[in-house]
């Protein structure tokens, strides 16, 4: 393997004990500055959310490495129907269309600074979505980050409304992506 080859590895909830420290370390690096002033973005709160997200057997994570260094990851799980009833101010009549096959929720996607803007995030995302049997994927993007929302729109996501999943979380734009089956 050469230093510039991206290796993608897929993990399930049973693997979380093996990769947890990697996920937490990357999160801590990516969100270090923001976590200093926002308790919701703290490593401790992320670790709690990670435990909750991975508690179901449908949790899947893709980790990207280059030359043995973790460059980023994405993970998600099957969304619950009740979560989609929490969509605020729906802008799309299909916002509540959970679908008979469910919605795969992209919970986290992050790439370490040296590898941002290289297409790695898209590669990790696409590997995570490739085997999904659901009709759609969803994600939440901070309403205050329009450039990031525009990136997801280029990937095919569209805004369906807003959500605030925790009392102390930001208000997010809820976005969905139809998945090929």
C-alpha atoms as a PDB file:
ATOM      1  CA  UNK A   1       0.000   0.000   0.000  1.00  0.00           C
ATOM      2  CA  UNK A   2       1.315   3.428  -0.891  1.00  0.00           C
ATOM      3  CA  UNK A   3       0.889   6.443   1.336  1.00  0.00           C
ATOM      4  CA  UNK A   4      -1.822   7.976  -0.876  1.00  0.00           C
ATOM      5  CA  UNK A   5      -4.157   4.976  -1.179  1.00  0.00           C
ATOM      6  CA  UNK A   6      -7.410   5.301   0.726  1.00  0.00           C
ATOM      7  CA  UNK A   7      -8.430   2.104   2.494  1.00  0.00           C
ATOM      8  CA  UNK A   8     -12.047   1.845   3.646  1.00  0.00           C
ATOM      9  CA  UNK A   9     -13.077  -0.601   6.366  1.00  0.00           C
ATOM     10  CA  UNK A  10     -16.650  -1.319   7.448  1.00  0.00           C
ATOM     11  CA  UNK A  11     -17.626  -2.076  11.031  1.00  0.00           C
ATOM     12  CA  UNK A  12     -20.829  -3.070  12.835  1.00  0.00           C
ATOM     13  CA  UNK A  13     -21.949  -2.395  16.405  1.00  0.00           C
ATOM     14  CA  UNK A  14     -20.153  -5.514  17.643  1.00  0.00           C
ATOM     15  CA  UNK A  15     -16.859  -3.893  16.551  1.00  0.00           C
ATOM     16  CA  UNK A  16     -17.391  -0.661  18.480  1.00  0.00           C
ATOM     17  CA  UNK A  17     -15.109  -1.658  21.387  1.00  0.00           C
ATOM     18  CA  UNK A  18     -12.262  -2.107  18.855  1.00  0.00           C
ATOM     19  CA  UNK A  19     -12.728   1.259  17.099  1.00  0.00           C
ATOM     20  CA  UNK A  20     -14.298   3.472  19.768  1.00  0.00           C
ATOM     21  CA  UNK A  21     -11.061   5.208  20.756  1.00  0.00           C
ATOM     22  CA  UNK A  22     -10.305   5.951  17.083  1.00  0.00           C
ATOM     23  CA  UNK A  23     -13.743   7.508  16.581  1.00  0.00           C
ATOM     24  CA  UNK A  24     -13.499   9.542  19.780  1.00  0.00           C
ATOM     25  CA  UNK A  25      -9.952  10.710  19.003  1.00  0.00           C
ATOM     26  CA  UNK A  26     -10.893  11.906  15.510  1.00  0.00           C
ATOM     27  CA  UNK A  27     -13.986  13.638  16.893  1.00  0.00           C
ATOM     28  CA  UNK A  28     -11.890  15.353  19.590  1.00  0.00           C
ATOM     29  CA  UNK A  29      -9.445  16.617  16.962  1.00  0.00           C
ATOM     30  CA  UNK A  30     -12.086  17.805  14.496  1.00  0.00           C
ATOM     31  CA  UNK A  31     -14.258  19.574  17.089  1.00  0.00           C
ATOM     32  CA  UNK A  32     -11.530  20.727  19.536  1.00  0.00           C
ATOM     33  CA  UNK A  33     -12.073  24.464  19.109  1.00  0.00           C
ATOM     34  CA  UNK A  34     -15.892  24.383  19.142  1.00  0.00           C
ATOM     35  CA  UNK A  35     -16.000  21.972  22.104  1.00  0.00           C
ATOM     36  CA  UNK A  36     -14.197  24.548  24.261  1.00  0.00           C
ATOM     37  CA  UNK A  37     -17.269  26.779  24.283  1.00  0.00           C
ATOM     38  CA  UNK A  38     -20.181  24.450  23.477  1.00  0.00           C
ATOM     39  CA  UNK A  39     -20.899  21.621  25.938  1.00  0.00           C
ATOM     40  CA  UNK A  40     -23.065  19.852  23.336  1.00  0.00           C
ATOM     41  CA  UNK A  41     -19.925  19.383  21.204  1.00  0.00           C
ATOM     42  CA  UNK A  42     -17.780  18.067  24.058  1.00  0.00           C
ATOM     43  CA  UNK A  43     -16.067  14.715  23.727  1.00  0.00           C
ATOM     44  CA  UNK A  44     -18.090  13.387  26.666  1.00  0.00           C
ATOM     45  CA  UNK A  45     -21.389  14.273  25.006  1.00  0.00           C
ATOM     46  CA  UNK A  46     -20.200  12.789  21.688  1.00  0.00           C
ATOM     47  CA  UNK A  47     -19.250   9.571  23.478  1.00  0.00           C
ATOM     48  CA  UNK A  48     -22.764   9.408  24.964  1.00  0.00           C
ATOM     49  CA  UNK A  49     -24.351   9.956  21.540  1.00  0.00           C
ATOM     50  CA  UNK A  50     -22.038   7.347  20.021  1.00  0.00           C
ATOM     51  CA  UNK A  51     -23.202   4.788  22.592  1.00  0.00           C
ATOM     52  CA  UNK A  52     -26.825   5.569  21.839  1.00  0.00           C
ATOM     53  CA  UNK A  53     -26.354   5.456  18.094  1.00  0.00           C
ATOM     54  CA  UNK A  54     -24.486   2.148  18.219  1.00  0.00           C
ATOM     55  CA  UNK A  55     -26.917   0.478  20.624  1.00  0.00           C
ATOM     56  CA  UNK A  56     -28.945  -1.002  17.771  1.00  0.00           C
ATOM     57  CA  UNK A  57     -27.742  -3.910  15.700  1.00  0.00           C
ATOM     58  CA  UNK A  58     -28.158  -1.872  12.509  1.00  0.00           C
ATOM     59  CA  UNK A  59     -25.283   0.558  13.269  1.00  0.00           C
ATOM     60  CA  UNK A  60     -22.638   0.684  10.544  1.00  0.00           C
ATOM     61  CA  UNK A  61     -19.383   2.637  10.405  1.00  0.00           C
ATOM     62  CA  UNK A  62     -16.868   3.153   7.590  1.00  0.00           C
ATOM     63  CA  UNK A  63     -13.367   4.258   8.582  1.00  0.00           C
ATOM     64  CA  UNK A  64     -10.928   5.650   6.029  1.00  0.00           C
ATOM     65  CA  UNK A  65      -7.174   5.245   6.387  1.00  0.00           C
ATOM     66  CA  UNK A  66      -4.201   6.389   4.350  1.00  0.00           C
ATOM     67  CA  UNK A  67      -0.788   4.969   5.113  1.00  0.00           C
ATOM     68  CA  UNK A  68      -2.047   3.574   8.413  1.00  0.00           C
ATOM     69  CA  UNK A  69      -3.427   6.953   9.557  1.00  0.00           C
ATOM     70  CA  UNK A  70      -7.141   7.349  10.176  1.00  0.00           C
ATOM     71  CA  UNK A  71      -8.283  10.213   7.938  1.00  0.00           C
ATOM     72  CA  UNK A  72     -11.984  10.147   8.707  1.00  0.00           C
ATOM     73  CA  UNK A  73     -15.135   8.137   9.176  1.00  0.00           C
ATOM     74  CA  UNK A  74     -18.877   8.099   8.834  1.00  0.00           C
ATOM     75  CA  UNK A  75     -21.456   6.125  10.719  1.00  0.00           C
ATOM     76  CA  UNK A  76     -25.190   5.758  10.866  1.00  0.00           C
ATOM     77  CA  UNK A  77     -28.113   3.626  11.878  1.00  0.00           C
ATOM     78  CA  UNK A  78     -31.700   2.956  10.989  1.00  0.00           C
ATOM     79  CA  UNK A  79     -33.789   5.963  12.037  1.00  0.00           C
ATOM     80  CA  UNK A  80     -36.901   5.411  14.086  1.00  0.00           C
ATOM     81  CA  UNK A  81     -40.286   6.504  12.812  1.00  0.00           C
ATOM     82  CA  UNK A  82     -40.735   8.712  15.881  1.00  0.00           C
ATOM     83  CA  UNK A  83     -37.656  10.742  14.966  1.00  0.00           C
ATOM     84  CA  UNK A  84     -39.172  11.766  11.664  1.00  0.00           C
ATOM     85  CA  UNK A  85     -42.324  12.960  13.406  1.00  0.00           C
ATOM     86  CA  UNK A  86     -40.061  15.562  15.029  1.00  0.00           C
ATOM     87  CA  UNK A  87     -39.434  17.384  11.733  1.00  0.00           C
ATOM     88  CA  UNK A  88     -40.219  21.055  12.290  1.00  0.00           C
ATOM     89  CA  UNK A  89     -41.402  23.397   9.568  1.00  0.00           C
ATOM     90  CA  UNK A  90     -41.423  20.755   6.815  1.00  0.00           C
ATOM     91  CA  UNK A  91     -40.552  22.181   3.406  1.00  0.00           C
ATOM     92  CA  UNK A  92     -41.231  18.929   1.565  1.00  0.00           C
ATOM     93  CA  UNK A  93     -44.474  16.957   1.827  1.00  0.00           C
ATOM     94  CA  UNK A  94     -42.344  13.791   1.869  1.00  0.00           C
ATOM     95  CA  UNK A  95     -40.593  14.812   5.089  1.00  0.00           C
ATOM     96  CA  UNK A  96     -42.605  12.282   7.096  1.00  0.00           C
ATOM     97  CA  UNK A  97     -42.396   9.534   4.472  1.00  0.00           C
ATOM     98  CA  UNK A  98     -40.346   7.090   6.456  1.00  0.00           C
ATOM     99  CA  UNK A  99     -40.953   4.427   3.811  1.00  0.00           C
ATOM    100  CA  UNK A 100     -41.625   0.727   4.216  1.00  0.00           C
ATOM    101  CA  UNK A 101     -37.889   0.004   4.234  1.00  0.00           C
ATOM    102  CA  UNK A 102     -37.053   2.766   6.670  1.00  0.00           C
ATOM    103  CA  UNK A 103     -34.550   5.582   6.547  1.00  0.00           C
ATOM    104  CA  UNK A 104     -30.834   5.154   7.181  1.00  0.00           C
ATOM    105  CA  UNK A 105     -29.669   8.029   9.354  1.00  0.00           C
ATOM    106  CA  UNK A 106     -26.163   9.335   8.756  1.00  0.00           C
ATOM    107  CA  UNK A 107     -25.235  10.342  12.302  1.00  0.00           C
ATOM    108  CA  UNK A 108     -21.638  11.495  11.862  1.00  0.00           C
ATOM    109  CA  UNK A 109     -19.235  12.136   9.032  1.00  0.00           C
ATOM    110  CA  UNK A 110     -15.894  13.782   9.621  1.00  0.00           C
ATOM    111  CA  UNK A 111     -12.523  14.073   7.986  1.00  0.00           C
ATOM    112  CA  UNK A 112      -9.362  15.281   9.687  1.00  0.00           C
ATOM    113  CA  UNK A 113      -8.065  18.673   8.495  1.00  0.00           C
ATOM    114  CA  UNK A 114      -5.103  17.520   6.365  1.00  0.00           C
ATOM    115  CA  UNK A 115      -7.427  15.473   4.150  1.00  0.00           C
ATOM    116  CA  UNK A 116     -10.378  17.843   3.793  1.00  0.00           C
ATOM    117  CA  UNK A 117     -11.255  18.983   0.294  1.00  0.00           C
ATOM    118  CA  UNK A 118      -9.770  15.848  -1.275  1.00  0.00           C
ATOM    119  CA  UNK A 119     -12.964  13.883  -1.936  1.00  0.00           C
ATOM    120  CA  UNK A 120     -12.340  11.527   0.971  1.00  0.00           C
ATOM    121  CA  UNK A 121     -15.573  12.469   2.754  1.00  0.00           C
ATOM    122  CA  UNK A 122     -17.560  11.590  -0.358  1.00  0.00           C
ATOM    123  CA  UNK A 123     -15.738   8.276  -0.742  1.00  0.00           C
ATOM    124  CA  UNK A 124     -16.416   7.313   2.876  1.00  0.00           C
ATOM    125  CA  UNK A 125     -20.048   8.420   2.552  1.00  0.00           C
ATOM    126  CA  UNK A 126     -20.616   6.460  -0.648  1.00  0.00           C
ATOM    127  CA  UNK A 127     -19.067   3.311   0.822  1.00  0.00           C
ATOM    128  CA  UNK A 128     -21.382   3.602   3.830  1.00  0.00           C
ATOM    129  CA  UNK A 129     -24.449   4.067   1.618  1.00  0.00           C
ATOM    130  CA  UNK A 130     -23.591   1.527  -1.106  1.00  0.00           C
ATOM    131  CA  UNK A 131     -25.026  -1.596   0.568  1.00  0.00           C
ATOM    132  CA  UNK A 132     -28.017   0.079   2.249  1.00  0.00           C
ATOM    133  CA  UNK A 133     -31.392  -1.561   1.544  1.00  0.00           C
ATOM    134  CA  UNK A 134     -33.415   1.473   2.690  1.00  0.00           C
ATOM    135  CA  UNK A 135     -35.156   3.753   0.213  1.00  0.00           C
ATOM    136  CA  UNK A 136     -33.544   6.894   1.626  1.00  0.00           C
ATOM    137  CA  UNK A 137     -30.811   8.232   3.843  1.00  0.00           C
ATOM    138  CA  UNK A 138     -31.045  11.228   6.124  1.00  0.00           C
ATOM    139  CA  UNK A 139     -28.699  13.605   7.859  1.00  0.00           C
ATOM    140  CA  UNK A 140     -28.841  16.733   9.955  1.00  0.00           C
ATOM    141  CA  UNK A 141     -26.640  19.726   9.200  1.00  0.00           C
ATOM    142  CA  UNK A 142     -26.306  22.732  11.479  1.00  0.00           C
ATOM    143  CA  UNK A 143     -28.567  25.485  10.163  1.00  0.00           C
ATOM    144  CA  UNK A 144     -25.661  27.927  10.638  1.00  0.00           C
ATOM    145  CA  UNK A 145     -23.429  26.022   8.171  1.00  0.00           C
ATOM    146  CA  UNK A 146     -24.851  26.821   4.702  1.00  0.00           C
ATOM    147  CA  UNK A 147     -21.645  25.845   2.870  1.00  0.00           C
ATOM    148  CA  UNK A 148     -21.827  22.363   4.341  1.00  0.00           C
ATOM    149  CA  UNK A 149     -25.522  22.127   3.462  1.00  0.00           C
ATOM    150  CA  UNK A 150     -24.629  23.120  -0.117  1.00  0.00           C
ATOM    151  CA  UNK A 151     -22.052  20.309  -0.229  1.00  0.00           C
ATOM    152  CA  UNK A 152     -24.691  17.768   0.776  1.00  0.00           C
ATOM    153  CA  UNK A 153     -27.027  19.195  -1.855  1.00  0.00           C
ATOM    154  CA  UNK A 154     -24.328  18.548  -4.474  1.00  0.00           C
ATOM    155  CA  UNK A 155     -24.260  14.961  -3.226  1.00  0.00           C
ATOM    156  CA  UNK A 156     -28.007  14.694  -3.915  1.00  0.00           C
ATOM    157  CA  UNK A 157     -29.536  15.453  -0.504  1.00  0.00           C
ATOM    158  CA  UNK A 158     -32.443  17.872  -0.283  1.00  0.00           C
ATOM    159  CA  UNK A 159     -33.802  19.789   2.678  1.00  0.00           C
ATOM    160  CA  UNK A 160     -37.139  18.591   4.058  1.00  0.00           C
ATOM    161  CA  UNK A 161     -37.419  20.699   7.211  1.00  0.00           C
ATOM    162  CA  UNK A 162     -35.664  21.299  10.497  1.00  0.00           C
ATOM    163  CA  UNK A 163     -35.016  19.262  13.635  1.00  0.00           C
ATOM    164  CA  UNK A 164     -33.643  19.875  17.098  1.00  0.00           C
ATOM    165  CA  UNK A 165     -32.933  16.400  18.496  1.00  0.00           C
ATOM    166  CA  UNK A 166     -31.683  17.559  21.918  1.00  0.00           C
ATOM    167  CA  UNK A 167     -32.743  20.559  24.007  1.00  0.00           C
ATOM    168  CA  UNK A 168     -29.183  21.949  23.931  1.00  0.00           C
ATOM    169  CA  UNK A 169     -28.331  21.039  20.344  1.00  0.00           C
ATOM    170  CA  UNK A 170     -28.328  23.447  17.451  1.00  0.00           C
ATOM    171  CA  UNK A 171     -31.326  23.598  15.199  1.00  0.00           C
ATOM    172  CA  UNK A 172     -30.495  21.476  12.170  1.00  0.00           C
ATOM    173  CA  UNK A 173     -31.658  21.310   8.591  1.00  0.00           C
ATOM    174  CA  UNK A 174     -33.065  17.820   8.036  1.00  0.00           C
ATOM    175  CA  UNK A 175     -31.996  16.476   4.663  1.00  0.00           C
ATOM    176  CA  UNK A 176     -32.766  13.271   2.793  1.00  0.00           C
ATOM    177  CA  UNK A 177     -31.172  11.413  -0.097  1.00  0.00           C
ATOM    178  CA  UNK A 178     -33.021   8.849  -2.214  1.00  0.00           C
ATOM    179  CA  UNK A 179     -30.931   5.675  -2.292  1.00  0.00           C
ATOM    180  CA  UNK A 180     -30.626   3.415  -5.336  1.00  0.00           C
ATOM    181  CA  UNK A 181     -31.860  -0.067  -4.624  1.00  0.00           C
END
